[in-house]
């Protein structure tokens, strides 16, 4: 079964406040828990891993509030170990780079809509075609006035007058 949820239906999320991650996880897992209850499921698990416990993850508060279980984190399994296990068992996305939420590309308070997300995705797809095999390094950050593309070490960069 696939549960379709559109986070941007929520005005509180769409206007990208500082607590957007909490609001988004609260909304998503609220819908998932509702679906689970309707189908007789009493426990919901997520993919939080050990590494996630040591970085800023404001959405975890919603998971704790709902009682969502994080077995990978509880067993101290790191992201590297998750990827190694996925590769060992032939999971098709085992070597895919991490993809942070697209909302992180926008400053707090900027409206998130599908046109903006499509522009960001198109820009990042273009960067990936020029990433010299390093798909995990290209991302964009947008403001109302510009799009910034941080260049990782070793990338050939253009600058005026060069």
Protein backbone atom coordinates (compact mmCIF):
# COMPACT_ATOMS: atom_id res chain seq x y z
CA UNK A 1 0.00 0.00 0.00
CA UNK A 2 1.07 3.54 -0.66
CA UNK A 3 -0.13 6.42 1.49
CA UNK A 4 -0.14 9.72 -0.41
CA UNK A 5 0.38 12.83 1.72
CA UNK A 6 0.95 16.40 0.52
CA UNK A 7 2.79 18.39 3.16
CA UNK A 8 2.29 21.62 1.25
CA UNK A 9 -1.45 21.40 1.89
CA UNK A 10 -0.52 22.57 5.38
CA UNK A 11 -0.19 26.35 5.45
CA UNK A 12 2.00 26.15 8.55
CA UNK A 13 4.53 24.05 6.63
CA UNK A 14 4.17 25.88 3.31
CA UNK A 15 5.40 29.15 4.82
CA UNK A 16 8.61 27.49 5.97
CA UNK A 17 8.87 28.48 9.63
CA UNK A 18 11.89 27.62 11.75
CA UNK A 19 10.01 24.63 13.20
CA UNK A 20 9.04 23.31 9.76
CA UNK A 21 10.74 19.94 10.36
CA UNK A 22 8.73 19.37 13.52
CA UNK A 23 5.49 20.43 11.82
CA UNK A 24 6.19 18.25 8.80
CA UNK A 25 7.06 15.12 10.80
CA UNK A 26 4.06 15.74 13.06
CA UNK A 27 1.77 15.94 10.03
CA UNK A 28 3.31 12.97 8.17
CA UNK A 29 3.44 10.62 11.13
CA UNK A 30 0.00 11.75 12.27
CA UNK A 31 -1.36 10.59 8.92
CA UNK A 32 0.70 7.39 9.06
CA UNK A 33 -0.48 6.56 12.59
CA UNK A 34 -4.09 7.22 11.59
CA UNK A 35 -3.65 4.85 8.65
CA UNK A 36 -1.95 2.28 10.90
CA UNK A 37 -4.77 2.39 13.47
CA UNK A 38 -7.36 1.96 10.71
CA UNK A 39 -5.51 -1.19 9.62
CA UNK A 40 -4.92 -2.70 13.07
CA UNK A 41 -1.23 -1.80 13.27
CA UNK A 42 -0.15 -0.93 16.79
CA UNK A 43 3.52 0.03 16.32
CA UNK A 44 5.15 2.33 13.77
CA UNK A 45 8.90 2.28 13.11
CA UNK A 46 11.12 4.81 11.37
CA UNK A 47 14.61 4.82 9.88
CA UNK A 48 16.35 7.15 12.32
CA UNK A 49 19.89 5.85 12.81
CA UNK A 50 22.61 6.46 15.40
CA UNK A 51 24.15 9.32 13.40
CA UNK A 52 20.83 11.17 13.41
CA UNK A 53 20.97 11.36 17.20
CA UNK A 54 24.09 13.53 17.07
CA UNK A 55 22.95 16.21 14.62
CA UNK A 56 20.14 18.76 14.54
CA UNK A 57 16.93 16.82 13.77
CA UNK A 58 14.02 18.88 15.09
CA UNK A 59 11.46 16.51 13.57
CA UNK A 60 12.46 13.81 16.05
CA UNK A 61 10.40 15.60 18.71
CA UNK A 62 7.21 14.69 16.83
CA UNK A 63 8.31 11.06 16.60
CA UNK A 64 8.87 10.93 20.36
CA UNK A 65 5.48 12.54 20.99
CA UNK A 66 3.79 9.88 18.87
CA UNK A 67 5.78 6.98 20.34
CA UNK A 68 7.35 6.02 17.01
CA UNK A 69 10.08 3.41 17.48
CA UNK A 70 13.54 3.94 15.96
CA UNK A 71 15.17 0.48 16.03
CA UNK A 72 18.31 1.44 14.10
CA UNK A 73 19.08 4.22 16.56
CA UNK A 74 18.20 2.02 19.53
CA UNK A 75 20.70 -0.58 18.28
CA UNK A 76 23.35 2.12 17.55
CA UNK A 77 23.41 1.32 13.81
CA UNK A 78 25.10 4.16 11.89
CA UNK A 79 24.26 5.48 8.43
CA UNK A 80 27.40 3.84 7.03
CA UNK A 81 26.29 0.51 8.46
CA UNK A 82 22.77 0.96 7.07
CA UNK A 83 24.22 1.57 3.60
CA UNK A 84 26.54 -1.45 3.92
CA UNK A 85 23.65 -3.70 4.97
CA UNK A 86 21.49 -2.36 2.15
CA UNK A 87 24.25 -3.14 -0.37
CA UNK A 88 24.80 -6.60 1.12
CA UNK A 89 21.12 -7.45 0.72
CA UNK A 90 20.78 -5.91 -2.76
CA UNK A 91 18.58 -2.97 -1.86
CA UNK A 92 18.42 -0.92 -5.07
CA UNK A 93 19.06 2.46 -3.40
CA UNK A 94 22.03 1.33 -1.29
CA UNK A 95 24.53 3.60 -3.08
CA UNK A 96 22.25 6.58 -3.56
CA UNK A 97 23.58 9.71 -1.83
CA UNK A 98 21.60 11.24 1.00
CA UNK A 99 18.99 13.71 -0.13
CA UNK A 100 18.05 16.28 2.50
CA UNK A 101 14.60 17.80 2.43
CA UNK A 102 14.19 20.31 -0.40
CA UNK A 103 12.84 22.89 2.10
CA UNK A 104 16.38 23.19 3.50
CA UNK A 105 17.35 24.96 0.27
CA UNK A 106 15.12 27.91 1.14
CA UNK A 107 15.50 30.47 3.92
CA UNK A 108 13.04 30.33 6.79
CA UNK A 109 9.90 32.28 5.95
CA UNK A 110 10.15 31.77 2.17
CA UNK A 111 7.05 30.17 0.71
CA UNK A 112 7.55 26.58 -0.43
CA UNK A 113 5.60 25.72 -3.57
CA UNK A 114 5.97 23.25 -6.41
CA UNK A 115 7.31 25.84 -8.88
CA UNK A 116 10.18 26.71 -6.52
CA UNK A 117 10.86 23.04 -5.73
CA UNK A 118 10.92 22.21 -9.46
CA UNK A 119 13.43 25.03 -10.13
CA UNK A 120 15.65 23.76 -7.32
CA UNK A 121 15.40 20.17 -8.60
CA UNK A 122 16.21 21.29 -12.15
CA UNK A 123 19.21 23.30 -10.96
CA UNK A 124 20.53 20.41 -8.89
CA UNK A 125 19.97 17.95 -11.75
CA UNK A 126 22.03 20.25 -13.98
CA UNK A 127 24.77 20.43 -11.33
CA UNK A 128 24.77 16.64 -11.03
CA UNK A 129 25.50 16.35 -14.78
CA UNK A 130 28.69 18.30 -14.09
CA UNK A 131 29.63 16.70 -10.79
CA UNK A 132 32.46 14.56 -12.11
CA UNK A 133 30.98 11.44 -10.55
CA UNK A 134 30.35 13.06 -7.17
CA UNK A 135 26.54 13.10 -7.05
CA UNK A 136 26.49 13.75 -3.32
CA UNK A 137 28.13 17.15 -3.58
CA UNK A 138 25.84 19.34 -5.64
CA UNK A 139 23.01 21.32 -4.08
CA UNK A 140 21.50 24.76 -4.35
CA UNK A 141 20.30 27.34 -1.86
CA UNK A 142 17.70 29.84 -2.97
CA UNK A 143 16.74 33.29 -1.77
CA UNK A 144 14.29 35.64 -3.45
CA UNK A 145 17.22 37.32 -5.19
CA UNK A 146 19.57 34.54 -6.21
CA UNK A 147 20.41 30.87 -6.33
CA UNK A 148 23.67 29.91 -4.65
CA UNK A 149 25.46 26.68 -5.53
CA UNK A 150 28.19 25.82 -3.01
CA UNK A 151 31.12 24.21 -4.80
CA UNK A 152 32.81 21.32 -3.02
CA UNK A 153 36.61 21.16 -2.80
CA UNK A 154 38.25 20.27 -6.08
CA UNK A 155 35.47 21.50 -8.35
CA UNK A 156 36.54 23.78 -11.19
CA UNK A 157 34.86 27.09 -10.45
CA UNK A 158 34.14 30.05 -12.66
CA UNK A 159 34.65 33.56 -11.47
CA UNK A 160 34.43 36.90 -13.31
CA UNK A 161 37.59 37.70 -15.22
CA UNK A 162 38.72 34.08 -15.41
